[in-house]
Protein backbone atom coordinates (compact mmCIF):
# COMPACT_ATOMS: atom_id res chain seq x y z
CA UNK A 1 43.05 36.67 17.61
CA UNK A 2 39.75 37.59 16.44
CA UNK A 3 39.53 35.31 13.23
CA UNK A 4 40.98 32.36 15.83
CA UNK A 5 37.92 32.99 18.00
CA UNK A 6 35.28 32.91 15.13
CA UNK A 7 37.13 29.67 13.69
CA UNK A 8 36.80 28.47 17.68
CA UNK A 9 33.14 29.02 18.17
CA UNK A 10 32.30 27.51 14.69
CA UNK A 11 34.09 24.08 15.48
CA UNK A 12 32.79 24.22 18.69
CA UNK A 13 29.49 24.64 17.32
CA UNK A 14 29.64 22.37 14.87
CA UNK A 15 30.47 19.90 17.03
CA UNK A 16 27.58 20.85 19.53
CA UNK A 17 25.22 20.11 16.93
CA UNK A 18 26.67 16.75 15.83
CA UNK A 19 26.58 15.79 19.69
CA UNK A 20 23.04 16.89 19.85
CA UNK A 21 20.89 15.76 16.78
CA UNK A 22 17.49 16.94 18.18
CA UNK A 23 18.57 20.66 17.59
CA UNK A 24 18.36 22.01 14.27
CA UNK A 25 17.05 25.26 12.58
CA UNK A 26 13.44 26.25 13.95
CA UNK A 27 11.27 28.09 11.31
CA UNK A 28 8.22 29.08 14.00
CA UNK A 29 6.93 31.03 11.12
CA UNK A 30 6.57 27.94 9.09
CA UNK A 31 4.50 26.17 11.91
CA UNK A 32 2.63 29.58 11.92
CA UNK A 33 1.82 29.54 8.01
CA UNK A 34 1.20 26.03 8.06
CA UNK A 35 -1.80 26.02 10.73
CA UNK A 36 -3.00 29.40 9.16
CA UNK A 37 -2.14 31.33 12.48
CA UNK A 38 -1.61 35.09 12.18
CA UNK A 39 1.77 35.64 12.60
CA UNK A 40 2.06 38.59 15.18
CA UNK A 41 3.73 38.52 18.34
CA UNK A 42 1.58 37.01 20.91
CA UNK A 43 0.67 33.85 18.37
CA UNK A 44 4.70 33.39 17.73
CA UNK A 45 5.17 33.49 21.38
CA UNK A 46 2.64 31.11 22.18
CA UNK A 47 3.92 28.31 19.19
CA UNK A 48 7.41 28.95 20.52
CA UNK A 49 6.27 27.89 23.95
CA UNK A 50 4.74 25.11 22.66
CA UNK A 51 8.04 23.88 20.75
CA UNK A 52 10.03 24.80 24.09
CA UNK A 53 7.43 22.21 26.18
CA UNK A 54 8.60 19.29 23.57
CA UNK A 55 10.46 16.65 25.93
CA UNK A 56 11.93 13.18 25.41
CA UNK A 57 8.95 11.77 26.05
CA UNK A 58 7.20 13.58 22.82
CA UNK A 59 9.70 12.43 20.80
CA UNK A 60 9.89 8.61 21.65
CA UNK A 61 6.37 8.42 21.46
CA UNK A 62 6.68 10.20 17.77
CA UNK A 63 9.38 7.88 16.95
CA UNK A 64 7.50 4.84 18.67
CA UNK A 65 4.36 5.61 16.49
CA UNK A 66 6.13 6.02 13.25
CA UNK A 67 8.05 2.56 13.77
CA UNK A 68 5.35 0.18 14.91
CA UNK A 69 2.76 1.49 12.58
CA UNK A 70 5.05 1.85 9.68
CA UNK A 71 2.15 0.85 7.03
CA UNK A 72 -0.27 3.25 8.23
CA UNK A 73 2.49 6.23 8.64
CA UNK A 74 3.32 5.59 4.67
CA UNK A 75 -0.01 4.99 3.40
CA UNK A 76 -1.48 8.11 5.02
CA UNK A 77 1.44 10.06 3.98
CA UNK A 78 0.99 9.01 0.18
CA UNK A 79 -2.58 9.64 0.75
CA UNK A 80 -1.90 13.19 2.19
CA UNK A 81 -0.22 14.18 -0.54
CA UNK A 82 -2.23 12.92 -3.27
CA UNK A 83 -4.91 14.97 -2.00
CA UNK A 84 -2.77 18.04 -1.53
CA UNK A 85 -3.85 17.96 2.40
CA UNK A 86 -2.07 19.54 5.18
CA UNK A 87 1.18 17.62 5.99
CA UNK A 88 -0.27 18.33 9.92
CA UNK A 89 -3.26 15.85 9.32
CA UNK A 90 -0.73 13.12 9.87
CA UNK A 91 0.09 14.14 13.50
CA UNK A 92 -3.51 14.86 13.99
CA UNK A 93 -4.16 10.95 13.34
CA UNK A 94 -0.99 10.17 15.36
CA UNK A 95 -2.85 12.07 18.30
CA UNK A 96 -6.18 10.69 17.86
CA UNK A 97 -4.93 7.08 17.63
CA UNK A 98 -1.39 6.52 17.63
CA UNK A 99 -2.22 5.44 14.16
CA UNK A 100 -3.92 2.29 15.08
CA UNK A 101 -7.13 1.26 12.94
CA UNK A 102 -8.09 -0.85 15.91
CA UNK A 103 -8.42 2.07 18.62
CA UNK A 104 -11.42 2.69 19.90
CA UNK A 105 -12.92 4.98 22.36
CA UNK A 106 -15.18 4.96 25.62
CA UNK A 107 -17.76 7.07 23.43
CA UNK A 108 -17.32 4.53 20.48
CA UNK A 109 -14.90 6.46 18.05
CA UNK A 110 -13.28 4.00 16.01
CA UNK A 111 -10.14 3.62 13.63
CA UNK A 112 -7.38 6.08 12.84
CA UNK A 113 -9.35 9.12 12.62
CA UNK A 114 -11.61 8.01 15.39
CA UNK A 115 -14.54 8.78 13.71
CA UNK A 116 -18.01 8.55 15.33
CA UNK A 117 -20.35 5.66 13.80
CA UNK A 118 -22.83 8.73 12.82
CA UNK A 119 -20.07 11.22 11.30
CA UNK A 120 -18.64 8.06 9.56
CA UNK A 121 -21.73 7.10 7.93
CA UNK A 122 -22.52 11.08 7.25
CA UNK A 123 -18.90 11.26 5.03
CA UNK A 124 -19.60 8.16 3.12
CA UNK A 125 -18.06 5.04 5.25
CA UNK A 126 -19.87 2.23 5.76
CA UNK A 127 -20.37 0.83 9.28
CA UNK A 128 -22.01 -2.53 9.48
CA UNK A 129 -21.55 -5.90 10.81
CA UNK A 130 -19.60 -6.81 7.89
CA UNK A 131 -17.47 -3.93 7.72
CA UNK A 132 -16.05 -1.19 9.34
CA UNK A 133 -14.54 1.51 7.17
CA UNK A 134 -13.46 3.68 10.08
CA UNK A 135 -10.59 1.17 10.16
CA UNK A 136 -10.01 1.13 6.46
CA UNK A 137 -6.40 3.32 6.27
CA UNK A 138 -7.05 4.79 3.05
CA UNK A 139 -10.97 5.28 2.77
CA UNK A 140 -10.96 6.59 6.23
CA UNK A 141 -8.42 9.05 5.07
CA UNK A 142 -10.34 10.43 2.44
CA UNK A 143 -13.29 11.21 4.86
CA UNK A 144 -10.74 12.72 7.28
CA UNK A 145 -9.76 15.05 4.61
CA UNK A 146 -13.29 15.92 3.59
CA UNK A 147 -14.30 16.63 7.11
CA UNK A 148 -11.55 18.76 7.69
CA UNK A 149 -11.97 20.47 4.50
CA UNK A 150 -15.35 21.29 5.38
CA UNK A 151 -14.36 22.66 8.78
CA UNK A 152 -11.78 24.87 7.08
CA UNK A 153 -14.05 26.39 4.84
CA UNK A 154 -16.44 26.81 7.83
CA UNK A 155 -14.17 28.50 10.21
CA UNK A 156 -11.83 29.97 7.79
CA UNK A 157 -8.58 28.30 9.29
CA UNK A 158 -6.71 25.27 9.83
CA UNK A 159 -6.10 25.53 13.40
CA UNK A 160 -9.76 26.31 14.19
CA UNK A 161 -10.58 23.03 11.97
CA UNK A 162 -8.27 20.82 14.40
CA UNK A 163 -9.93 22.42 17.19
CA UNK A 164 -13.28 21.81 15.73
CA UNK A 165 -12.36 17.94 14.93
CA UNK A 166 -11.79 17.89 18.71
CA UNK A 167 -14.43 19.25 20.20
CA UNK A 168 -17.10 19.72 17.64
CA UNK A 169 -18.72 22.61 15.42
CA UNK A 170 -21.20 23.87 18.31
CA UNK A 171 -18.31 23.95 21.17
CA UNK A 172 -15.50 25.89 19.02
CA UNK A 173 -18.40 28.37 17.66
CA UNK A 174 -19.57 28.84 21.46
CA UNK A 175 -16.15 29.34 22.39
CA UNK A 176 -15.32 31.56 19.95
CA UNK A 177 -18.57 33.63 20.77
CA UNK A 178 -17.75 33.82 24.49
CA UNK A 179 -14.53 35.23 24.11
CA UNK A 180 -15.63 37.23 21.04
CA UNK A 181 -12.14 36.13 18.88
CA UNK A 182 -11.05 33.38 16.99
CA UNK A 183 -7.31 34.29 17.52
CA UNK A 184 -5.10 31.31 18.29
CA UNK A 185 -3.48 33.08 21.41
CA UNK A 186 -6.78 34.27 22.69
CA UNK A 187 -8.57 31.22 22.42
CA UNK A 188 -5.61 29.05 23.82
CA UNK A 189 -5.64 31.34 26.76
CA UNK A 190 -9.10 31.50 27.53
CA UNK A 191 -11.40 29.33 29.74
CA UNK A 192 -14.00 29.17 27.27
CA UNK A 193 -11.99 26.29 25.19
CA UNK A 194 -11.86 22.74 26.73
CA UNK A 195 -8.51 21.86 28.18
CA UNK A 196 -8.70 18.69 25.90
CA UNK A 197 -8.67 20.61 22.73
CA UNK A 198 -6.15 22.82 23.91
CA UNK A 199 -3.71 19.89 24.65
CA UNK A 200 -4.99 18.38 21.35
CA UNK A 201 -3.99 21.39 19.24
CA UNK A 202 -0.71 21.94 21.23
CA UNK A 203 0.24 18.39 20.61
CA UNK A 204 -0.07 18.33 16.77
CA UNK A 205 2.09 21.45 16.81
CA UNK A 206 4.56 19.54 18.85
CA UNK A 207 4.67 16.44 16.42
CA UNK A 208 4.63 18.99 13.38
CA UNK A 209 7.98 20.44 15.36
CA UNK A 210 9.45 16.86 16.09
CA UNK A 211 8.74 15.61 12.39
CA UNK A 212 10.80 18.71 10.98
CA UNK A 213 13.95 17.26 12.85
CA UNK A 214 16.77 15.69 10.72
CA UNK A 215 16.97 12.71 12.44
CA UNK A 216 12.92 12.46 12.44
CA UNK A 217 12.84 12.94 9.07
CA UNK A 218 14.92 9.97 8.61
CA UNK A 219 12.74 7.90 10.70
CA UNK A 220 9.92 9.00 8.71
CA UNK A 221 11.46 8.32 4.98
CA UNK A 222 12.96 4.89 5.86
CA UNK A 223 11.95 1.90 3.54
CA UNK A 224 8.93 4.48 2.65
CA UNK A 225 8.77 2.89 -0.38
CA UNK A 226 8.64 -0.85 1.06
CA UNK A 227 6.16 0.09 3.90
CA UNK A 228 3.28 0.58 1.75
CA UNK A 229 -0.22 -1.00 1.47
CA UNK A 230 -1.70 -1.83 -2.14
CA UNK A 231 -5.53 -1.81 -2.70
CA UNK A 232 -6.53 -5.07 -4.49
CA UNK A 233 -10.13 -5.81 -5.85
CA UNK A 234 -11.89 -8.80 -4.67
CA UNK A 235 -15.36 -10.75 -5.39
CA UNK A 236 -18.05 -10.43 -2.78
CA UNK A 237 -17.38 -13.44 -0.25
CA UNK A 238 -13.45 -13.61 -1.00
CA UNK A 239 -11.89 -14.76 2.03
CA UNK A 240 -9.40 -13.16 3.83
CA UNK A 241 -6.74 -16.48 3.82
CA UNK A 242 -7.40 -17.19 0.07
CA UNK A 243 -5.59 -13.79 -0.68
CA UNK A 244 -2.99 -14.46 2.09
CA UNK A 245 -2.26 -17.65 0.67
CA UNK A 246 -1.63 -16.27 -3.06
CA UNK A 247 0.38 -13.08 -1.64
CA UNK A 248 2.58 -15.62 0.67
CA UNK A 249 1.22 -13.76 3.95
CA UNK A 250 0.62 -15.18 7.03
CA UNK A 251 -3.22 -14.74 8.06
CA UNK A 252 -2.23 -13.29 11.31
CA UNK A 253 -0.71 -10.35 9.45
CA UNK A 254 -3.50 -10.42 6.58
CA UNK A 255 -6.03 -9.81 9.37
CA UNK A 256 -3.88 -7.36 11.02
CA UNK A 257 -3.95 -5.29 7.63
CA UNK A 258 -7.54 -5.60 6.83
CA UNK A 259 -8.95 -4.77 10.21
CA UNK A 260 -11.94 -3.26 8.67
CA UNK A 261 -13.23 -6.92 7.49
CA UNK A 262 -15.04 -7.72 10.78
CA UNK A 263 -15.25 -11.34 9.96
CA UNK A 264 -13.03 -13.58 7.29
CA UNK A 265 -14.12 -12.86 4.23
CA UNK A 266 -15.41 -9.50 1.95
CA UNK A 267 -19.22 -8.68 1.93
CA UNK A 268 -20.99 -11.14 -0.24
CA UNK A 269 -23.03 -8.25 -1.97
CA UNK A 270 -21.25 -6.93 -4.62
CA UNK A 271 -17.63 -6.52 -5.01
CA UNK A 272 -14.90 -5.03 -2.42
CA UNK A 273 -11.39 -4.68 -1.78
CA UNK A 274 -8.33 -5.66 0.59
CA UNK A 275 -5.10 -4.84 1.15
CA UNK A 276 -1.96 -6.63 0.98
CA UNK A 277 1.83 -4.90 1.36
CA UNK A 278 3.61 -3.76 -1.77
CA UNK A 279 6.41 -6.46 -1.06
CA UNK A 280 4.08 -8.84 -1.58
CA UNK A 281 2.50 -7.97 -4.66
CA UNK A 282 4.54 -9.64 -7.49
CA UNK A 283 4.19 -12.72 -5.68
CA UNK A 284 0.22 -12.32 -5.48
CA UNK A 285 -0.03 -11.18 -9.46
CA UNK A 286 2.21 -14.64 -10.01
CA UNK A 287 -0.10 -16.71 -8.06
CA UNK A 288 -3.06 -15.54 -10.38
CA UNK A 289 -4.13 -12.69 -8.32
CA UNK A 290 -5.93 -9.20 -10.03
CA UNK A 291 -3.96 -6.10 -10.56
CA UNK A 292 -4.32 -3.67 -7.97
CA UNK A 293 -7.16 -0.52 -7.95
CA UNK A 294 -5.93 2.79 -9.48
CA UNK A 295 -8.36 5.72 -8.82
CA UNK A 296 -8.50 9.25 -9.63
CA UNK A 297 -8.93 9.90 -5.85
CA UNK A 298 -8.54 13.82 -6.07
CA UNK A 299 -11.39 14.20 -8.72
CA UNK A 300 -13.52 12.00 -6.98
CA UNK A 301 -12.89 13.90 -3.41
CA UNK A 302 -13.33 17.10 -5.19
CA UNK A 303 -16.68 16.27 -6.67
CA UNK A 304 -18.06 14.82 -2.79
CA UNK A 305 -16.83 18.02 -1.17
CA UNK A 306 -18.39 20.47 -3.64
CA UNK A 307 -21.59 18.64 -3.35
CA UNK A 308 -21.48 18.45 0.41
CA UNK A 309 -20.84 21.80 0.76
CA UNK A 310 -23.89 22.91 -1.40
CA UNK A 311 -25.94 20.98 0.96
CA UNK A 312 -24.29 22.14 4.13
CA UNK A 313 -24.45 26.04 3.39
CA UNK A 314 -28.04 25.90 3.98
CA UNK A 315 -27.49 25.54 7.71
CA UNK A 316 -24.01 27.07 7.91
CA UNK A 317 -25.28 30.89 8.64
CA UNK A 318 -27.52 29.76 11.73
CA UNK A 319 -24.56 28.07 13.50
CA UNK A 320 -22.56 31.00 14.98
CA UNK A 321 -26.02 33.09 16.04
């Protein structure tokens, strides 16, 4: 009888999981580790409460972003993987802009990573009347990782870097000083940290949980190789319409993919780049197009980070005083 009860329960539970695909094994320790959150009772209780607050609207919005911005989802995932960046940075971008390179805030933050013009230029992005690299999905992701790496080195933990990305270094430093701790649970329960920043970090963690669900993994991986962009070199002054014709892409789609180009052509001074979908690359080459750009992005980025941190180290010690 006992064996029959166990068997019945096992079958019932299996059917329950099939009928409820949103339910799966939840590894809260993995979330704590991903964000560098100390694994103690209070912090685990906090992340579990964030997990339990996930509702249907959170899952639906996550799915909508991934499906509506499939090119950006795949390009950023690949870029972050190439950089050995934390996976949650994709979800940070989803919270910031819903992965829209057209997004612009009321305070003029722009692009997928919502850089202010001054911050964008500080991290090597060009913003002028010809181009706005905050809206370039690959170049801006390089800059975002460089900035997040700096914040991580400065504050020591990824969750603190995410907080500072939202409210700024001075704001987070002031909050930490006010409560006398940089502990995750302590900061989220304090009045010192802005509510906007609390909600920002909580939403990133929500998306981190949602992304680990089997049904969402399938959506993230669906047509992954197909829904990618290829970076191609172009001469100064090259028109988007010319490349669109060679690649057999509607000009409207070409403009949507290359929002970082503010006009109808590349800057006249020097060479530049456009993006085209992977599935159009062979057509583009067959029609006389130039081969895609291949760069050692890791080596280039590590060099930039090293030099930047050397410059910043001179002023870091005064910021927490």
